[in-house]
């Protein structure tokens, strides 16, 4: 199962809206993995919607993805991950830490182009633009 990160959602949004029918890496990833479940977190929804700025459009786009909840277990896992990575000078940043904790908790593979996830080797992630 895949956890879609914000970079992926923004690329997919742009590719779907392209008047030229642009078939970019996000659309190709969706097509190649159409039998896989794909989810998002509230963190992803927030970052995506903030970038789109049109709440109606964001709501319509986000409807196609199931959202996993961020509860107490994920918060504690995120704090543990943040402490561990910070002690090594490898901090992810708050939003990516939430994403990583959700991925660990639910055994998800993060789909992103954000190479910061390399800082957390216990987190499975896949670069949909290539390279991984």
N, C-alpha and C. Protein backbone atom coordinates (compact mmCIF):
# COMPACT_ATOMS: atom_id res chain seq x y z
N UNK A 1 0.84 -1.17 0.00
CA UNK A 1 0.00 0.00 0.00
C UNK A 1 0.89 1.24 0.00
N UNK A 2 0.47 2.28 -0.70
CA UNK A 2 1.27 3.49 -0.86
C UNK A 2 0.67 4.67 -0.11
N UNK A 3 1.56 5.45 0.51
CA UNK A 3 1.19 6.71 1.14
C UNK A 3 1.70 7.82 0.23
N UNK A 4 0.78 8.55 -0.37
CA UNK A 4 1.15 9.58 -1.34
C UNK A 4 1.54 10.86 -0.62
N UNK A 5 2.71 11.38 -0.95
CA UNK A 5 3.21 12.61 -0.35
C UNK A 5 2.80 13.80 -1.21
N UNK A 6 3.00 14.98 -0.68
CA UNK A 6 2.53 16.20 -1.33
C UNK A 6 3.15 16.42 -2.71
N UNK A 7 4.43 16.14 -2.87
CA UNK A 7 5.05 16.36 -4.19
C UNK A 7 4.32 15.54 -5.25
N UNK A 8 3.95 14.33 -4.88
CA UNK A 8 3.23 13.47 -5.82
C UNK A 8 1.87 14.06 -6.16
N UNK A 9 1.12 14.47 -5.13
CA UNK A 9 -0.22 15.02 -5.38
C UNK A 9 -0.18 16.26 -6.26
N UNK A 10 0.78 17.12 -6.01
CA UNK A 10 0.88 18.33 -6.82
C UNK A 10 1.22 17.99 -8.27
N UNK A 11 2.16 17.08 -8.47
CA UNK A 11 2.49 16.66 -9.84
C UNK A 11 1.28 16.01 -10.51
N UNK A 12 0.57 15.14 -9.79
CA UNK A 12 -0.60 14.49 -10.37
C UNK A 12 -1.66 15.53 -10.72
N UNK A 13 -1.90 16.45 -9.84
CA UNK A 13 -2.87 17.53 -10.10
C UNK A 13 -2.50 18.28 -11.37
N UNK A 14 -1.24 18.68 -11.48
CA UNK A 14 -0.79 19.44 -12.65
C UNK A 14 -0.90 18.61 -13.93
N UNK A 15 -0.53 17.35 -13.84
CA UNK A 15 -0.60 16.48 -15.03
C UNK A 15 -2.04 16.25 -15.46
N UNK A 16 -2.95 16.08 -14.53
CA UNK A 16 -4.36 15.87 -14.88
C UNK A 16 -4.98 17.13 -15.48
N UNK A 17 -4.52 18.29 -15.06
CA UNK A 17 -5.06 19.56 -15.56
C UNK A 17 -4.41 20.02 -16.85
N UNK A 18 -3.34 19.38 -17.25
CA UNK A 18 -2.61 19.79 -18.44
C UNK A 18 -3.49 19.70 -19.68
N UNK A 19 -3.57 20.77 -20.41
CA UNK A 19 -4.39 20.80 -21.63
C UNK A 19 -3.77 19.97 -22.75
N UNK A 20 -2.46 19.74 -22.66
CA UNK A 20 -1.78 18.94 -23.67
C UNK A 20 -1.88 17.45 -23.39
N UNK A 21 -2.55 17.06 -22.30
CA UNK A 21 -2.65 15.64 -21.95
C UNK A 21 -1.32 15.07 -21.51
N UNK A 22 -0.51 15.92 -20.90
CA UNK A 22 0.82 15.55 -20.43
C UNK A 22 0.77 14.25 -19.63
N UNK A 23 1.58 13.29 -20.02
CA UNK A 23 1.65 12.00 -19.35
C UNK A 23 2.95 11.96 -18.56
N UNK A 24 2.94 12.57 -17.39
CA UNK A 24 4.14 12.68 -16.58
C UNK A 24 4.34 11.54 -15.61
N UNK A 25 5.31 11.68 -14.73
CA UNK A 25 5.67 10.59 -13.82
C UNK A 25 4.57 10.21 -12.84
N UNK A 26 3.78 11.15 -12.41
CA UNK A 26 2.71 10.82 -11.45
C UNK A 26 1.61 10.00 -12.12
N UNK A 27 1.19 10.41 -13.30
CA UNK A 27 0.17 9.63 -14.03
C UNK A 27 0.69 8.25 -14.39
N UNK A 28 1.95 8.18 -14.80
CA UNK A 28 2.53 6.88 -15.14
C UNK A 28 2.58 5.98 -13.90
N UNK A 29 2.93 6.56 -12.75
CA UNK A 29 2.97 5.78 -11.51
C UNK A 29 1.57 5.26 -11.17
N UNK A 30 0.57 6.11 -11.28
CA UNK A 30 -0.81 5.69 -10.98
C UNK A 30 -1.22 4.54 -11.90
N UNK A 31 -0.92 4.68 -13.17
CA UNK A 31 -1.30 3.64 -14.14
C UNK A 31 -0.57 2.32 -13.85
N UNK A 32 0.71 2.40 -13.54
CA UNK A 32 1.51 1.19 -13.29
C UNK A 32 1.14 0.51 -11.98
N UNK A 33 0.50 1.24 -11.07
CA UNK A 33 0.17 0.70 -9.75
C UNK A 33 -1.33 0.76 -9.46
N UNK A 34 -2.14 0.67 -10.50
CA UNK A 34 -3.58 0.85 -10.34
C UNK A 34 -4.25 -0.20 -9.44
N UNK A 35 -3.61 -1.32 -9.21
CA UNK A 35 -4.20 -2.33 -8.33
C UNK A 35 -3.80 -2.13 -6.87
N UNK A 36 -2.89 -1.20 -6.61
CA UNK A 36 -2.43 -0.93 -5.25
C UNK A 36 -3.32 0.10 -4.57
N UNK A 37 -3.54 -0.09 -3.27
CA UNK A 37 -4.26 0.91 -2.50
C UNK A 37 -3.35 2.11 -2.29
N UNK A 38 -3.92 3.32 -2.40
CA UNK A 38 -3.16 4.55 -2.21
C UNK A 38 -3.91 5.43 -1.24
N UNK A 39 -3.19 5.90 -0.22
CA UNK A 39 -3.81 6.70 0.83
C UNK A 39 -3.01 7.99 1.02
N UNK A 40 -3.64 8.92 1.74
CA UNK A 40 -2.97 10.16 2.13
C UNK A 40 -3.21 10.36 3.62
N UNK A 41 -2.50 11.34 4.19
CA UNK A 41 -2.72 11.73 5.58
C UNK A 41 -3.30 13.15 5.59
N UNK A 42 -3.80 13.60 6.74
CA UNK A 42 -4.23 15.00 6.84
C UNK A 42 -3.08 15.98 6.54
N UNK A 43 -1.86 15.58 6.83
CA UNK A 43 -0.70 16.42 6.54
C UNK A 43 -0.60 16.67 5.04
N UNK A 44 -0.72 15.61 4.26
CA UNK A 44 -0.66 15.72 2.80
C UNK A 44 -1.80 16.58 2.28
N UNK A 45 -3.01 16.33 2.79
CA UNK A 45 -4.17 17.10 2.36
C UNK A 45 -3.98 18.58 2.64
N UNK A 46 -3.44 18.89 3.82
CA UNK A 46 -3.21 20.28 4.20
C UNK A 46 -2.19 20.95 3.28
N UNK A 47 -1.05 20.30 3.08
CA UNK A 47 -0.01 20.90 2.23
C UNK A 47 -0.50 21.09 0.80
N UNK A 48 -1.18 20.08 0.28
CA UNK A 48 -1.70 20.16 -1.08
C UNK A 48 -2.70 21.31 -1.21
N UNK A 49 -3.69 21.34 -0.31
CA UNK A 49 -4.75 22.36 -0.39
C UNK A 49 -4.18 23.77 -0.21
N UNK A 50 -3.17 23.92 0.63
CA UNK A 50 -2.55 25.23 0.81
C UNK A 50 -1.89 25.70 -0.48
N UNK A 51 -1.31 24.76 -1.22
CA UNK A 51 -0.66 25.11 -2.48
C UNK A 51 -1.64 25.38 -3.60
N UNK A 52 -2.78 24.71 -3.58
CA UNK A 52 -3.77 24.88 -4.64
C UNK A 52 -4.55 26.19 -4.45
N UNK A 53 -4.85 26.51 -3.21
CA UNK A 53 -5.53 27.75 -2.81
C UNK A 53 -7.02 27.79 -3.18
N UNK A 54 -7.51 26.85 -3.94
CA UNK A 54 -8.93 26.80 -4.28
C UNK A 54 -9.53 25.62 -3.53
N UNK A 55 -10.23 25.92 -2.44
CA UNK A 55 -10.71 24.84 -1.57
C UNK A 55 -11.66 23.89 -2.28
N UNK A 56 -12.51 24.40 -3.12
CA UNK A 56 -13.46 23.54 -3.84
C UNK A 56 -12.72 22.56 -4.75
N UNK A 57 -11.74 23.08 -5.48
CA UNK A 57 -10.94 22.22 -6.36
C UNK A 57 -10.14 21.20 -5.55
N UNK A 58 -9.55 21.65 -4.44
CA UNK A 58 -8.77 20.74 -3.58
C UNK A 58 -9.67 19.65 -3.02
N UNK A 59 -10.85 20.01 -2.54
CA UNK A 59 -11.79 19.03 -1.99
C UNK A 59 -12.16 17.99 -3.03
N UNK A 60 -12.44 18.44 -4.24
CA UNK A 60 -12.81 17.53 -5.33
C UNK A 60 -11.67 16.57 -5.67
N UNK A 61 -10.46 17.10 -5.75
CA UNK A 61 -9.29 16.28 -6.08
C UNK A 61 -8.99 15.26 -4.97
N UNK A 62 -9.02 15.70 -3.73
CA UNK A 62 -8.66 14.84 -2.60
C UNK A 62 -9.67 13.73 -2.34
N UNK A 63 -10.88 13.91 -2.82
CA UNK A 63 -11.93 12.89 -2.62
C UNK A 63 -11.54 11.52 -3.15
N UNK A 64 -10.68 11.48 -4.11
CA UNK A 64 -10.32 10.20 -4.74
C UNK A 64 -9.40 9.34 -3.88
N UNK A 65 -8.90 9.89 -2.76
CA UNK A 65 -7.96 9.15 -1.91
C UNK A 65 -8.53 8.93 -0.51
N UNK A 66 -8.31 7.73 0.01
CA UNK A 66 -8.69 7.44 1.39
C UNK A 66 -7.66 8.10 2.30
N UNK A 67 -8.12 8.64 3.42
CA UNK A 67 -7.23 9.32 4.35
C UNK A 67 -7.05 8.48 5.61
N UNK A 68 -5.80 8.28 6.01
CA UNK A 68 -5.52 7.58 7.26
C UNK A 68 -5.44 8.61 8.38
N UNK A 69 -5.92 8.22 9.54
CA UNK A 69 -5.94 9.12 10.69
C UNK A 69 -4.58 9.16 11.37
N UNK A 70 -4.29 10.29 11.96
CA UNK A 70 -3.08 10.44 12.76
C UNK A 70 -3.51 10.50 14.22
N UNK A 71 -3.26 9.43 14.94
CA UNK A 71 -3.66 9.37 16.34
C UNK A 71 -2.47 9.39 17.29
N UNK A 72 -2.76 9.04 18.53
CA UNK A 72 -1.75 9.06 19.59
C UNK A 72 -0.55 8.18 19.27
N UNK A 73 -0.78 6.95 18.76
CA UNK A 73 0.33 6.05 18.45
C UNK A 73 1.27 6.66 17.41
N UNK A 74 0.70 7.30 16.42
CA UNK A 74 1.53 7.91 15.37
C UNK A 74 2.25 9.13 15.93
N UNK A 75 1.59 9.89 16.80
CA UNK A 75 2.25 11.05 17.42
C UNK A 75 3.46 10.61 18.23
N UNK A 76 3.31 9.55 19.00
CA UNK A 76 4.44 9.07 19.81
C UNK A 76 5.55 8.49 18.93
N UNK A 77 5.16 7.79 17.88
CA UNK A 77 6.15 7.26 16.94
C UNK A 77 6.88 8.41 16.24
N UNK A 78 6.14 9.45 15.87
CA UNK A 78 6.76 10.62 15.22
C UNK A 78 7.75 11.30 16.17
N UNK A 79 7.38 11.40 17.45
CA UNK A 79 8.30 12.05 18.40
C UNK A 79 9.56 11.21 18.58
N UNK A 80 9.41 9.90 18.63
CA UNK A 80 10.56 9.00 18.76
C UNK A 80 11.47 9.13 17.54
N UNK A 81 10.87 9.12 16.36
CA UNK A 81 11.63 9.25 15.12
C UNK A 81 12.34 10.59 15.06
N UNK A 82 11.65 11.65 15.47
CA UNK A 82 12.25 12.99 15.45
C UNK A 82 13.44 13.07 16.40
N UNK A 83 13.30 12.52 17.60
CA UNK A 83 14.42 12.52 18.55
C UNK A 83 15.61 11.74 18.00
N UNK A 84 15.32 10.57 17.44
CA UNK A 84 16.38 9.71 16.91
C UNK A 84 17.13 10.40 15.77
N UNK A 85 16.39 10.95 14.82
CA UNK A 85 17.04 11.59 13.67
C UNK A 85 17.72 12.90 14.06
N UNK A 86 17.11 13.66 14.98
CA UNK A 86 17.72 14.91 15.43
C UNK A 86 19.05 14.67 16.12
N UNK A 87 19.13 13.58 16.86
CA UNK A 87 20.39 13.28 17.56
C UNK A 87 21.52 12.99 16.58
N UNK A 88 21.18 12.64 15.35
CA UNK A 88 22.17 12.36 14.31
C UNK A 88 22.33 13.54 13.35
N UNK A 89 21.62 14.65 13.64
CA UNK A 89 21.66 15.80 12.75
C UNK A 89 20.95 15.55 11.43
N UNK A 90 19.96 14.66 11.45
CA UNK A 90 19.26 14.26 10.22
C UNK A 90 17.76 14.54 10.29
N UNK A 91 17.36 15.57 10.97
CA UNK A 91 15.94 15.86 11.18
C UNK A 91 15.19 15.98 9.84
N UNK A 92 13.99 15.40 9.80
CA UNK A 92 13.16 15.45 8.59
C UNK A 92 12.38 16.75 8.48
N UNK A 93 11.99 17.33 9.56
CA UNK A 93 11.03 18.42 9.56
C UNK A 93 9.69 17.86 9.99
N UNK A 94 8.86 18.70 10.54
CA UNK A 94 7.62 18.23 11.16
C UNK A 94 6.70 17.45 10.22
N UNK A 95 6.39 18.00 9.09
CA UNK A 95 5.43 17.33 8.20
C UNK A 95 5.96 16.00 7.68
N UNK A 96 7.22 15.96 7.28
CA UNK A 96 7.78 14.70 6.81
C UNK A 96 7.90 13.68 7.93
N UNK A 97 8.11 14.15 9.15
CA UNK A 97 8.16 13.23 10.29
C UNK A 97 6.80 12.58 10.51
N UNK A 98 5.73 13.35 10.39
CA UNK A 98 4.37 12.78 10.49
C UNK A 98 4.15 11.74 9.39
N UNK A 99 4.58 12.07 8.17
CA UNK A 99 4.43 11.13 7.05
C UNK A 99 5.21 9.85 7.32
N UNK A 100 6.43 9.99 7.77
CA UNK A 100 7.27 8.82 8.05
C UNK A 100 6.66 7.96 9.16
N UNK A 101 6.15 8.60 10.20
CA UNK A 101 5.55 7.85 11.31
C UNK A 101 4.30 7.10 10.84
N UNK A 102 3.48 7.73 10.02
CA UNK A 102 2.29 7.04 9.50
C UNK A 102 2.71 5.86 8.63
N UNK A 103 3.73 6.05 7.82
CA UNK A 103 4.21 4.96 6.96
C UNK A 103 4.72 3.79 7.81
N UNK A 104 5.45 4.09 8.86
CA UNK A 104 5.95 3.03 9.73
C UNK A 104 4.81 2.32 10.45
N UNK A 105 3.88 3.09 10.98
CA UNK A 105 2.78 2.52 11.77
C UNK A 105 1.91 1.58 10.95
N UNK A 106 1.64 1.94 9.70
CA UNK A 106 0.73 1.16 8.85
C UNK A 106 1.45 0.35 7.78
N UNK A 107 2.78 0.28 7.87
CA UNK A 107 3.59 -0.45 6.90
C UNK A 107 3.30 -0.01 5.47
N UNK A 108 3.40 1.29 5.25
CA UNK A 108 3.15 1.90 3.95
C UNK A 108 4.47 2.31 3.31
N UNK A 109 4.47 2.39 1.99
CA UNK A 109 5.60 2.92 1.25
C UNK A 109 5.23 4.33 0.82
N UNK A 110 6.04 5.29 1.22
CA UNK A 110 5.79 6.69 0.84
C UNK A 110 6.16 6.87 -0.62
N UNK A 111 5.30 7.55 -1.36
CA UNK A 111 5.56 7.88 -2.76
C UNK A 111 5.81 9.38 -2.81
N UNK A 112 7.04 9.75 -3.15
CA UNK A 112 7.45 11.14 -3.10
C UNK A 112 8.65 11.35 -4.01
N UNK A 113 8.99 12.61 -4.21
CA UNK A 113 10.25 12.94 -4.88
C UNK A 113 11.17 13.63 -3.87
N UNK A 114 10.77 13.64 -2.61
CA UNK A 114 11.51 14.29 -1.53
C UNK A 114 12.57 13.34 -0.99
N UNK A 115 13.81 13.59 -1.37
CA UNK A 115 14.90 12.69 -0.96
C UNK A 115 15.23 12.80 0.52
N UNK A 116 14.61 13.72 1.25
CA UNK A 116 14.82 13.79 2.69
C UNK A 116 14.45 12.49 3.38
N UNK A 117 13.56 11.71 2.78
CA UNK A 117 13.17 10.44 3.39
C UNK A 117 14.35 9.46 3.46
N UNK A 118 15.41 9.74 2.72
CA UNK A 118 16.63 8.92 2.83
C UNK A 118 17.24 9.01 4.23
N UNK A 119 16.95 10.08 4.95
CA UNK A 119 17.49 10.27 6.31
C UNK A 119 16.94 9.23 7.28
N UNK A 120 15.81 8.64 6.96
CA UNK A 120 15.16 7.66 7.84
C UNK A 120 15.18 6.30 7.16
N UNK A 121 16.27 5.54 7.27
CA UNK A 121 16.40 4.28 6.53
C UNK A 121 15.33 3.24 6.88
N UNK A 122 14.69 3.38 8.04
CA UNK A 122 13.64 2.42 8.41
C UNK A 122 12.33 2.68 7.66
N UNK A 123 12.25 3.82 6.99
CA UNK A 123 11.03 4.20 6.25
C UNK A 123 11.18 3.75 4.80
N UNK A 124 10.19 3.02 4.33
CA UNK A 124 10.17 2.62 2.91
C UNK A 124 9.62 3.79 2.10
N UNK A 125 10.32 4.13 1.04
CA UNK A 125 9.80 5.18 0.17
C UNK A 125 10.24 4.92 -1.26
N UNK A 126 9.49 5.49 -2.16
CA UNK A 126 9.74 5.28 -3.59
C UNK A 126 9.68 6.61 -4.32
N UNK A 127 10.70 6.88 -5.11
CA UNK A 127 10.73 8.10 -5.90
C UNK A 127 10.03 7.85 -7.22
N UNK A 128 8.82 8.36 -7.36
CA UNK A 128 8.01 8.13 -8.57
C UNK A 128 8.59 8.82 -9.80
N UNK A 129 9.47 9.76 -9.61
CA UNK A 129 10.12 10.43 -10.74
C UNK A 129 11.32 9.65 -11.25
N UNK A 130 11.61 8.55 -10.61
CA UNK A 130 12.75 7.71 -11.00
C UNK A 130 13.82 7.78 -9.94
N UNK A 131 14.86 7.06 -10.13
CA UNK A 131 15.98 7.11 -9.21
C UNK A 131 15.87 6.10 -8.07
N UNK A 132 14.71 5.56 -7.81
CA UNK A 132 14.57 4.55 -6.75
C UNK A 132 13.59 3.51 -7.19
